[in-house]
Every structure is written in C-alpha cells, then in structure tokens.
C-alpha cells in the first residue's frame, strides 16, 4: 500500500510535516514502513494542473525514486515512527 504521509499534495513542491496515519497503520498491522522518496513528480504534475505534463521542450521531465531500509514499528509510538519515517525520507535525497 502506498501512503503519502503528508496527507496532501504539496502546494509548493517542498516536503512538509508528516501526519501519523501511516505509522499508526504500520503499528496496528505489525508491518514495516519502506521509506520512498520521489523527486521530480511535482514538476510533472503540480496541484494546480488538471493533467500531468510529461514533456518539456521535447524531452521528458526527470524523475528519481529512492528506496530506504525498512523501518520496523516494534516498540515505537506513532510519533516516534512518524519522525523516523520523515527523517529517513529526507536523508534519501536531502531535505526539500
């Protein structure tokens, strides 16, 4: 299952504070969170556009997807796991 932990699409393309829903689900289900960072998606499909833009001047927009190590929920609170998830995603590509 893919969950965007900010709870909404970014209006400015920057990463904002995560909400606890993904961590709560992971804790209750006893499953790890796999941190994933998607760089370039905002350029392709900003929230003010109705359709994504795949090309710019005849070239495709670059996109980079990075995966981090699993974060296991055992013994962590929702707030702890949420903070760990945000830190792990920020470290995958530098904070935006």
PDB file of N, CA and C in Angstrom:
ATOM      1  N   UNK A   1       0.844  -1.145   0.000  1.00  0.00           N
ATOM      2  CA  UNK A   1       0.000   0.000   0.000  1.00  0.00           C
ATOM      3  C   UNK A   1       0.906   1.229   0.000  1.00  0.00           C
ATOM      4  N   UNK A   2       0.567   2.194  -0.795  1.00  0.00           N
ATOM      5  CA  UNK A   2       1.312   3.451  -0.841  1.00  0.00           C
ATOM      6  C   UNK A   2       0.536   4.520  -0.087  1.00  0.00           C
ATOM      7  N   UNK A   3       1.215   5.185   0.844  1.00  0.00           N
ATOM      8  CA  UNK A   3       0.600   6.270   1.597  1.00  0.00           C
ATOM      9  C   UNK A   3       1.531   7.471   1.524  1.00  0.00           C
ATOM     10  N   UNK A   4       0.979   8.609   1.165  1.00  0.00           N
ATOM     11  CA  UNK A   4       1.738   9.858   1.208  1.00  0.00           C
ATOM     12  C   UNK A   4       1.571  10.419   2.616  1.00  0.00           C
ATOM     13  N   UNK A   5       2.622  10.369   3.439  1.00  0.00           N
ATOM     14  CA  UNK A   5       2.474  10.677   4.862  1.00  0.00           C
ATOM     15  C   UNK A   5       2.222  12.146   5.187  1.00  0.00           C
ATOM     16  N   UNK A   6       2.324  13.042   4.218  1.00  0.00           N
ATOM     17  CA  UNK A   6       1.998  14.445   4.483  1.00  0.00           C
ATOM     18  C   UNK A   6       0.479  14.657   4.503  1.00  0.00           C
ATOM     19  N   UNK A   7      -0.262  13.717   3.967  1.00  0.00           N
ATOM     20  CA  UNK A   7      -1.713  13.792   3.989  1.00  0.00           C
ATOM     21  C   UNK A   7      -2.319  14.596   2.858  1.00  0.00           C
ATOM     22  N   UNK A   8      -1.497  15.228   2.042  1.00  0.00           N
ATOM     23  CA  UNK A   8      -1.983  16.027   0.920  1.00  0.00           C
ATOM     24  C   UNK A   8      -0.832  16.256  -0.048  1.00  0.00           C
ATOM     25  N   UNK A   9      -1.160  16.703  -1.232  1.00  0.00           N
ATOM     26  CA  UNK A   9      -0.111  17.067  -2.185  1.00  0.00           C
ATOM     27  C   UNK A   9       0.458  18.427  -1.803  1.00  0.00           C
ATOM     28  N   UNK A  10       1.741  18.558  -1.946  1.00  0.00           N
ATOM     29  CA  UNK A  10       2.414  19.816  -1.628  1.00  0.00           C
ATOM     30  C   UNK A  10       2.007  20.898  -2.612  1.00  0.00           C
ATOM     31  N   UNK A  11       1.688  22.088  -2.105  1.00  0.00           N
ATOM     32  CA  UNK A  11       1.339  23.221  -2.966  1.00  0.00           C
ATOM     33  C   UNK A  11       2.583  23.919  -3.499  1.00  0.00           C
ATOM     34  N   UNK A  12       3.743  23.707  -2.846  1.00  0.00           N
ATOM     35  CA  UNK A  12       4.955  24.414  -3.253  1.00  0.00           C
ATOM     36  C   UNK A  12       6.095  23.482  -3.679  1.00  0.00           C
ATOM     37  N   UNK A  13       5.862  22.177  -3.670  1.00  0.00           N
ATOM     38  CA  UNK A  13       6.886  21.220  -4.078  1.00  0.00           C
ATOM     39  C   UNK A  13       7.849  20.832  -2.967  1.00  0.00           C
ATOM     40  N   UNK A  14       7.701  21.409  -1.781  1.00  0.00           N
ATOM     41  CA  UNK A  14       8.582  21.091  -0.659  1.00  0.00           C
ATOM     42  C   UNK A  14       7.920  20.073   0.254  1.00  0.00           C
ATOM     43  N   UNK A  15       8.764  19.304   0.948  1.00  0.00           N
ATOM     44  CA  UNK A  15       8.262  18.326   1.895  1.00  0.00           C
ATOM     45  C   UNK A  15       7.802  19.047   3.159  1.00  0.00           C
ATOM     46  N   UNK A  16       6.629  18.694   3.654  1.00  0.00           N
ATOM     47  CA  UNK A  16       6.077  19.298   4.860  1.00  0.00           C
ATOM     48  C   UNK A  16       5.991  18.252   5.961  1.00  0.00           C
ATOM     49  N   UNK A  17       5.553  18.656   7.134  1.00  0.00           N
ATOM     50  CA  UNK A  17       5.486  17.757   8.279  1.00  0.00           C
ATOM     51  C   UNK A  17       4.555  16.580   7.995  1.00  0.00           C
ATOM     52  N   UNK A  18       5.003  15.389   8.392  1.00  0.00           N
ATOM     53  CA  UNK A  18       4.222  14.177   8.183  1.00  0.00           C
ATOM     54  C   UNK A  18       3.122  14.054   9.226  1.00  0.00           C
ATOM     55  N   UNK A  19       2.050  13.424   8.836  1.00  0.00           N
ATOM     56  CA  UNK A  19       0.960  13.083   9.753  1.00  0.00           C
ATOM     57  C   UNK A  19       1.178  11.633  10.218  1.00  0.00           C
ATOM     58  N   UNK A  20       0.491  11.214  11.251  1.00  0.00           N
ATOM     59  CA  UNK A  20       0.752   9.918  11.875  1.00  0.00           C
ATOM     60  C   UNK A  20      -0.011   8.726  11.329  1.00  0.00           C
ATOM     61  N   UNK A  21      -0.835   8.898  10.306  1.00  0.00           N
ATOM     62  CA  UNK A  21      -1.671   7.806   9.823  1.00  0.00           C
ATOM     63  C   UNK A  21      -0.905   6.588   9.344  1.00  0.00           C
ATOM     64  N   UNK A  22       0.151   6.792   8.587  1.00  0.00           N
ATOM     65  CA  UNK A  22       0.936   5.656   8.075  1.00  0.00           C
ATOM     66  C   UNK A  22       1.589   4.893   9.225  1.00  0.00           C
ATOM     67  N   UNK A  23       2.131   5.637  10.186  1.00  0.00           N
ATOM     68  CA  UNK A  23       2.765   4.990  11.342  1.00  0.00           C
ATOM     69  C   UNK A  23       1.738   4.212  12.158  1.00  0.00           C
ATOM     70  N   UNK A  24       0.573   4.804  12.356  1.00  0.00           N
ATOM     71  CA  UNK A  24      -0.482   4.118  13.127  1.00  0.00           C
ATOM     72  C   UNK A  24      -0.887   2.812  12.445  1.00  0.00           C
ATOM     73  N   UNK A  25      -1.065   2.849  11.126  1.00  0.00           N
ATOM     74  CA  UNK A  25      -1.409   1.627  10.396  1.00  0.00           C
ATOM     75  C   UNK A  25      -0.306   0.575  10.509  1.00  0.00           C
ATOM     76  N   UNK A  26       0.956   1.004  10.376  1.00  0.00           N
ATOM     77  CA  UNK A  26       2.081   0.064  10.456  1.00  0.00           C
ATOM     78  C   UNK A  26       2.155  -0.578  11.836  1.00  0.00           C
ATOM     79  N   UNK A  27       1.955   0.214  12.880  1.00  0.00           N
ATOM     80  CA  UNK A  27       1.998  -0.315  14.248  1.00  0.00           C
ATOM     81  C   UNK A  27       0.864  -1.312  14.467  1.00  0.00           C
ATOM     82  N   UNK A  28      -0.351  -0.932  14.088  1.00  0.00           N
ATOM     83  CA  UNK A  28      -1.504  -1.819  14.296  1.00  0.00           C
ATOM     84  C   UNK A  28      -1.410  -3.102  13.478  1.00  0.00           C
ATOM     85  N   UNK A  29      -0.850  -3.018  12.265  1.00  0.00           N
ATOM     86  CA  UNK A  29      -0.732  -4.204  11.407  1.00  0.00           C
ATOM     87  C   UNK A  29       0.545  -4.992  11.667  1.00  0.00           C
ATOM     88  N   UNK A  30       1.494  -4.392  12.386  1.00  0.00           N
ATOM     89  CA  UNK A  30       2.761  -5.072  12.662  1.00  0.00           C
ATOM     90  C   UNK A  30       3.615  -5.248  11.416  1.00  0.00           C
ATOM     91  N   UNK A  31       3.570  -4.261  10.527  1.00  0.00           N
ATOM     92  CA  UNK A  31       4.339  -4.342   9.283  1.00  0.00           C
ATOM     93  C   UNK A  31       5.315  -3.168   9.198  1.00  0.00           C
ATOM     94  N   UNK A  32       6.437  -3.347   8.493  1.00  0.00           N
ATOM     95  CA  UNK A  32       7.398  -2.254   8.381  1.00  0.00           C
ATOM     96  C   UNK A  32       6.942  -1.181   7.397  1.00  0.00           C
ATOM     97  N   UNK A  33       7.525  -0.013   7.554  1.00  0.00           N
ATOM     98  CA  UNK A  33       7.360   1.070   6.593  1.00  0.00           C
ATOM     99  C   UNK A  33       8.606   1.091   5.718  1.00  0.00           C
ATOM    100  N   UNK A  34       8.420   1.123   4.415  1.00  0.00           N
ATOM    101  CA  UNK A  34       9.542   1.260   3.482  1.00  0.00           C
ATOM    102  C   UNK A  34       9.570   2.723   3.047  1.00  0.00           C
ATOM    103  N   UNK A  35      10.582   3.491   3.470  1.00  0.00           N
ATOM    104  CA  UNK A  35      10.649   4.891   3.056  1.00  0.00           C
ATOM    105  C   UNK A  35      10.923   5.001   1.555  1.00  0.00           C
ATOM    106  N   UNK A  36      10.154   5.834   0.878  1.00  0.00           N
ATOM    107  CA  UNK A  36      10.312   6.052  -0.561  1.00  0.00           C
ATOM    108  C   UNK A  36      10.295   7.557  -0.811  1.00  0.00           C
ATOM    109  N   UNK A  37      11.261   8.019  -1.584  1.00  0.00           N
ATOM    110  CA  UNK A  37      11.318   9.439  -1.961  1.00  0.00           C
ATOM    111  C   UNK A  37      11.168   9.530  -3.466  1.00  0.00           C
ATOM    112  N   UNK A  38      10.259  10.399  -3.906  1.00  0.00           N
ATOM    113  CA  UNK A  38      10.022  10.615  -5.334  1.00  0.00           C
ATOM    114  C   UNK A  38      10.394  12.061  -5.637  1.00  0.00           C
ATOM    115  N   UNK A  39      11.498  12.258  -6.324  1.00  0.00           N
ATOM    116  CA  UNK A  39      11.938  13.600  -6.721  1.00  0.00           C
ATOM    117  C   UNK A  39      11.569  13.849  -8.175  1.00  0.00           C
ATOM    118  N   UNK A  40      10.960  14.993  -8.446  1.00  0.00           N
ATOM    119  CA  UNK A  40      10.603  15.376  -9.806  1.00  0.00           C
ATOM    120  C   UNK A  40       9.128  15.253 -10.121  1.00  0.00           C
ATOM    121  N   UNK A  41       8.361  14.588  -9.277  1.00  0.00           N
ATOM    122  CA  UNK A  41       6.940  14.383  -9.559  1.00  0.00           C
ATOM    123  C   UNK A  41       6.159  15.693  -9.532  1.00  0.00           C
ATOM    124  N   UNK A  42       6.563  16.621  -8.669  1.00  0.00           N
ATOM    125  CA  UNK A  42       5.845  17.893  -8.580  1.00  0.00           C
ATOM    126  C   UNK A  42       5.944  18.656  -9.901  1.00  0.00           C
ATOM    127  N   UNK A  43       7.102  18.600 -10.559  1.00  0.00           N
ATOM    128  CA  UNK A  43       7.269  19.273 -11.855  1.00  0.00           C
ATOM    129  C   UNK A  43       6.356  18.668 -12.921  1.00  0.00           C
ATOM    130  N   UNK A  44       6.151  17.367 -12.844  1.00  0.00           N
ATOM    131  CA  UNK A  44       5.312  16.677 -13.824  1.00  0.00           C
ATOM    132  C   UNK A  44       3.832  16.937 -13.577  1.00  0.00           C
ATOM    133  N   UNK A  45       3.422  16.947 -12.311  1.00  0.00           N
ATOM    134  CA  UNK A  45       2.001  17.064 -12.001  1.00  0.00           C
ATOM    135  C   UNK A  45       1.771  17.967 -10.785  1.00  0.00           C
ATOM    136  N   UNK A  46       2.010  19.284 -10.934  1.00  0.00           N
ATOM    137  CA  UNK A  46       1.749  20.183  -9.816  1.00  0.00           C
ATOM    138  C   UNK A  46       0.252  20.245  -9.525  1.00  0.00           C
ATOM    139  N   UNK A  47      -0.131  20.561  -8.299  1.00  0.00           N
ATOM    140  CA  UNK A  47      -1.540  20.502  -7.911  1.00  0.00           C
ATOM    141  C   UNK A  47      -2.452  21.469  -8.659  1.00  0.00           C
ATOM    142  N   UNK A  48      -1.919  22.504  -9.253  1.00  0.00           N
ATOM    143  CA  UNK A  48      -2.768  23.451  -9.973  1.00  0.00           C
ATOM    144  C   UNK A  48      -3.045  23.028 -11.418  1.00  0.00           C
ATOM    145  N   UNK A  49      -2.485  21.904 -11.867  1.00  0.00           N
ATOM    146  CA  UNK A  49      -2.723  21.400 -13.220  1.00  0.00           C
ATOM    147  C   UNK A  49      -3.759  20.278 -13.183  1.00  0.00           C
ATOM    148  N   UNK A  50      -4.563  20.190 -14.244  1.00  0.00           N
ATOM    149  CA  UNK A  50      -5.564  19.122 -14.321  1.00  0.00           C
ATOM    150  C   UNK A  50      -4.988  17.828 -14.875  1.00  0.00           C
ATOM    151  N   UNK A  51      -3.940  17.941 -15.686  1.00  0.00           N
ATOM    152  CA  UNK A  51      -3.289  16.770 -16.280  1.00  0.00           C
ATOM    153  C   UNK A  51      -1.783  16.876 -16.106  1.00  0.00           C
ATOM    154  N   UNK A  52      -1.099  15.737 -15.998  1.00  0.00           N
ATOM    155  CA  UNK A  52       0.365  15.784 -15.880  1.00  0.00           C
ATOM    156  C   UNK A  52       1.016  16.248 -17.184  1.00  0.00           C
ATOM    157  N   UNK A  53       2.181  16.869 -17.053  1.00  0.00           N
ATOM    158  CA  UNK A  53       2.990  17.282 -18.203  1.00  0.00           C
ATOM    159  C   UNK A  53       4.188  16.333 -18.268  1.00  0.00           C
ATOM    160  N   UNK A  54       4.245  15.501 -19.278  1.00  0.00           N
ATOM    161  CA  UNK A  54       5.315  14.513 -19.389  1.00  0.00           C
ATOM    162  C   UNK A  54       6.554  15.101 -20.060  1.00  0.00           C
ATOM    163  N   UNK A  55       6.343  16.003 -21.005  1.00  0.00           N
ATOM    164  CA  UNK A  55       7.459  16.531 -21.791  1.00  0.00           C
ATOM    165  C   UNK A  55       7.650  18.023 -21.561  1.00  0.00           C
ATOM    166  N   UNK A  56       8.906  18.461 -21.658  1.00  0.00           N
ATOM    167  CA  UNK A  56       9.271  19.865 -21.621  1.00  0.00           C
ATOM    168  C   UNK A  56      10.286  20.085 -22.729  1.00  0.00           C
ATOM    169  N   UNK A  57       9.916  20.897 -23.718  1.00  0.00           N
ATOM    170  CA  UNK A  57      10.792  21.159 -24.862  1.00  0.00           C
ATOM    171  C   UNK A  57      11.226  19.863 -25.552  1.00  0.00           C
ATOM    172  N   UNK A  58      10.282  18.924 -25.707  1.00  0.00           N
ATOM    173  CA  UNK A  58      10.563  17.676 -26.401  1.00  0.00           C
ATOM    174  C   UNK A  58      11.315  16.644 -25.589  1.00  0.00           C
ATOM    175  N   UNK A  59      11.662  16.947 -24.359  1.00  0.00           N
ATOM    176  CA  UNK A  59      12.383  15.997 -23.500  1.00  0.00           C
ATOM    177  C   UNK A  59      11.508  15.656 -22.298  1.00  0.00           C
ATOM    178  N   UNK A  60      11.663  14.450 -21.828  1.00  0.00           N
ATOM    179  CA  UNK A  60      10.901  14.028 -20.647  1.00  0.00           C
ATOM    180  C   UNK A  60      11.439  14.731 -19.396  1.00  0.00           C
ATOM    181  N   UNK A  61      10.525  15.006 -18.471  1.00  0.00           N
ATOM    182  CA  UNK A  61      10.946  15.519 -17.177  1.00  0.00           C
ATOM    183  C   UNK A  61      11.695  14.414 -16.437  1.00  0.00           C
ATOM    184  N   UNK A  62      12.791  14.738 -15.770  1.00  0.00           N
ATOM    185  CA  UNK A  62      13.485  13.707 -14.993  1.00  0.00           C
ATOM    186  C   UNK A  62      12.731  13.400 -13.702  1.00  0.00           C
ATOM    187  N   UNK A  63      12.756  12.147 -13.319  1.00  0.00           N
ATOM    188  CA  UNK A  63      12.158  11.727 -12.051  1.00  0.00           C
ATOM    189  C   UNK A  63      13.091  10.705 -11.423  1.00  0.00           C
ATOM    190  N   UNK A  64      13.242  10.788 -10.109  1.00  0.00           N
ATOM    191  CA  UNK A  64      14.125   9.870  -9.389  1.00  0.00           C
ATOM    192  C   UNK A  64      13.349   9.292  -8.216  1.00  0.00           C
ATOM    193  N   UNK A  65      13.357   7.970  -8.095  1.00  0.00           N
ATOM    194  CA  UNK A  65      12.682   7.287  -6.996  1.00  0.00           C
ATOM    195  C   UNK A  65      13.734   6.546  -6.184  1.00  0.00           C
ATOM    196  N   UNK A  66      13.792   6.837  -4.887  1.00  0.00           N
ATOM    197  CA  UNK A  66      14.779   6.223  -3.997  1.00  0.00           C
ATOM    198  C   UNK A  66      14.058   5.460  -2.891  1.00  0.00           C
ATOM    199  N   UNK A  67      14.601   4.296  -2.547  1.00  0.00           N
ATOM    200  CA  UNK A  67      14.032   3.444  -1.502  1.00  0.00           C
ATOM    201  C   UNK A  67      15.011   3.340  -0.337  1.00  0.00           C
ATOM    202  N   UNK A  68      14.488   3.419   0.879  1.00  0.00           N
ATOM    203  CA  UNK A  68      15.310   3.276   2.070  1.00  0.00           C
ATOM    204  C   UNK A  68      15.102   1.923   2.728  1.00  0.00           C
ATOM    205  N   UNK A  69      15.853   1.707   3.785  1.00  0.00           N
ATOM    206  CA  UNK A  69      15.750   0.457   4.545  1.00  0.00           C
ATOM    207  C   UNK A  69      14.418   0.434   5.309  1.00  0.00           C
ATOM    208  N   UNK A  70      13.847  -0.751   5.509  1.00  0.00           N
ATOM    209  CA  UNK A  70      12.583  -0.855   6.246  1.00  0.00           C
ATOM    210  C   UNK A  70      12.705  -0.292   7.661  1.00  0.00           C
ATOM    211  N   UNK A  71      11.629   0.335   8.108  1.00  0.00           N
ATOM    212  CA  UNK A  71      11.536   0.840   9.482  1.00  0.00           C
ATOM    213  C   UNK A  71      10.506  -0.022  10.207  1.00  0.00           C
ATOM    214  N   UNK A  72      10.959  -0.741  11.212  1.00  0.00           N
ATOM    215  CA  UNK A  72      10.078  -1.666  11.924  1.00  0.00           C
ATOM    216  C   UNK A  72       9.401  -0.957  13.097  1.00  0.00           C
ATOM    217  N   UNK A  73       8.100  -1.159  13.261  1.00  0.00           N
ATOM    218  CA  UNK A  73       7.339  -0.407  14.267  1.00  0.00           C
ATOM    219  C   UNK A  73       7.444  -0.923  15.700  1.00  0.00           C
ATOM    220  N   UNK A  74       8.000  -2.109  15.909  1.00  0.00           N
ATOM    221  CA  UNK A  74       8.010  -2.707  17.241  1.00  0.00           C
ATOM    222  C   UNK A  74       8.616  -1.759  18.275  1.00  0.00           C
ATOM    223  N   UNK A  75       7.848  -1.502  19.358  1.00  0.00           N
ATOM    224  CA  UNK A  75       8.338  -0.697  20.467  1.00  0.00           C
ATOM    225  C   UNK A  75       8.332   0.806  20.228  1.00  0.00           C
ATOM    226  N   UNK A  76       7.777   1.248  19.117  1.00  0.00           N
ATOM    227  CA  UNK A  76       7.763   2.677  18.800  1.00  0.00           C
ATOM    228  C   UNK A  76       6.341   3.227  18.898  1.00  0.00           C
ATOM    229  N   UNK A  77       6.269   4.493  19.300  1.00  0.00           N
ATOM    230  CA  UNK A  77       4.972   5.174  19.317  1.00  0.00           C
ATOM    231  C   UNK A  77       4.697   5.712  17.915  1.00  0.00           C
ATOM    232  N   UNK A  78       3.471   6.163  17.692  1.00  0.00           N
ATOM    233  CA  UNK A  78       3.109   6.761  16.401  1.00  0.00           C
ATOM    234  C   UNK A  78       4.012   7.950  16.112  1.00  0.00           C
ATOM    235  N   UNK A  79       4.229   8.807  17.115  1.00  0.00           N
ATOM    236  CA  UNK A  79       5.062   9.991  16.907  1.00  0.00           C
ATOM    237  C   UNK A  79       6.508   9.625  16.597  1.00  0.00           C
ATOM    238  N   UNK A  80       7.045   8.619  17.291  1.00  0.00           N
ATOM    239  CA  UNK A  80       8.433   8.190  17.042  1.00  0.00           C
ATOM    240  C   UNK A  80       8.586   7.632  15.628  1.00  0.00           C
ATOM    241  N   UNK A  81       7.667   6.756  15.230  1.00  0.00           N
ATOM    242  CA  UNK A  81       7.751   6.135  13.909  1.00  0.00           C
ATOM    243  C   UNK A  81       7.535   7.166  12.805  1.00  0.00           C
ATOM    244  N   UNK A  82       6.641   8.118  13.030  1.00  0.00           N
ATOM    245  CA  UNK A  82       6.413   9.183  12.052  1.00  0.00           C
ATOM    246  C   UNK A  82       7.679  10.015  11.876  1.00  0.00           C
ATOM    247  N   UNK A  83       8.317  10.395  12.975  1.00  0.00           N
ATOM    248  CA  UNK A  83       9.556  11.187  12.912  1.00  0.00           C
ATOM    249  C   UNK A  83      10.675  10.408  12.227  1.00  0.00           C
ATOM    250  N   UNK A  84      10.799   9.120  12.542  1.00  0.00           N
ATOM    251  CA  UNK A  84      11.824   8.284  11.893  1.00  0.00           C
ATOM    252  C   UNK A  84      11.582   8.183  10.388  1.00  0.00           C
ATOM    253  N   UNK A  85      10.319   8.046  10.005  1.00  0.00           N
ATOM    254  CA  UNK A  85       9.971   7.953   8.586  1.00  0.00           C
ATOM    255  C   UNK A  85      10.330   9.240   7.859  1.00  0.00           C
ATOM    256  N   UNK A  86       9.972  10.376   8.431  1.00  0.00           N
ATOM    257  CA  UNK A  86      10.280  11.653   7.777  1.00  0.00           C
ATOM    258  C   UNK A  86      11.787  11.844   7.661  1.00  0.00           C
ATOM    259  N   UNK A  87      12.522  11.546   8.718  1.00  0.00           N
ATOM    260  CA  UNK A  87      13.984  11.690   8.671  1.00  0.00           C
ATOM    261  C   UNK A  87      14.595  10.776   7.614  1.00  0.00           C
ATOM    262  N   UNK A  88      14.114   9.525   7.535  1.00  0.00           N
ATOM    263  CA  UNK A  88      14.652   8.576   6.562  1.00  0.00           C
ATOM    264  C   UNK A  88      14.400   9.060   5.130  1.00  0.00           C
ATOM    265  N   UNK A  89      13.213   9.598   4.868  1.00  0.00           N
ATOM    266  CA  UNK A  89      12.892  10.082   3.522  1.00  0.00           C
ATOM    267  C   UNK A  89      13.699  11.326   3.190  1.00  0.00           C
ATOM    268  N   UNK A  90      13.851  12.226   4.150  1.00  0.00           N
ATOM    269  CA  UNK A  90      14.674  13.418   3.918  1.00  0.00           C
ATOM    270  C   UNK A  90      16.111  13.030   3.579  1.00  0.00           C
ATOM    271  N   UNK A  91      16.650  12.013   4.261  1.00  0.00           N
ATOM    272  CA  UNK A  91      18.030  11.588   4.019  1.00  0.00           C
ATOM    273  C   UNK A  91      18.218  10.892   2.682  1.00  0.00           C
ATOM    274  N   UNK A  92      17.144  10.397   2.090  1.00  0.00           N
ATOM    275  CA  UNK A  92      17.269   9.732   0.784  1.00  0.00           C
ATOM    276  C   UNK A  92      17.644  10.704  -0.330  1.00  0.00           C
ATOM    277  N   UNK A  93      17.319  11.968  -0.166  1.00  0.00           N
ATOM    278  CA  UNK A  93      17.641  12.902  -1.241  1.00  0.00           C
ATOM    279  C   UNK A  93      17.970  14.283  -0.746  1.00  0.00           C
ATOM    280  N   UNK A  94      18.169  14.424   0.533  1.00  0.00           N
ATOM    281  CA  UNK A  94      18.373  15.753   1.097  1.00  0.00           C
ATOM    282  C   UNK A  94      17.013  16.390   1.329  1.00  0.00           C
ATOM    283  N   UNK A  95      16.897  17.167   2.364  1.00  0.00           N
ATOM    284  CA  UNK A  95      15.617  17.809   2.697  1.00  0.00           C
ATOM    285  C   UNK A  95      15.218  18.784   1.608  1.00  0.00           C
ATOM    286  N   UNK A  96      13.924  18.775   1.261  1.00  0.00           N
ATOM    287  CA  UNK A  96      13.411  19.700   0.258  1.00  0.00           C
ATOM    288  C   UNK A  96      12.705  20.830   0.943  1.00  0.00           C
TER     289      UNK A  96
END
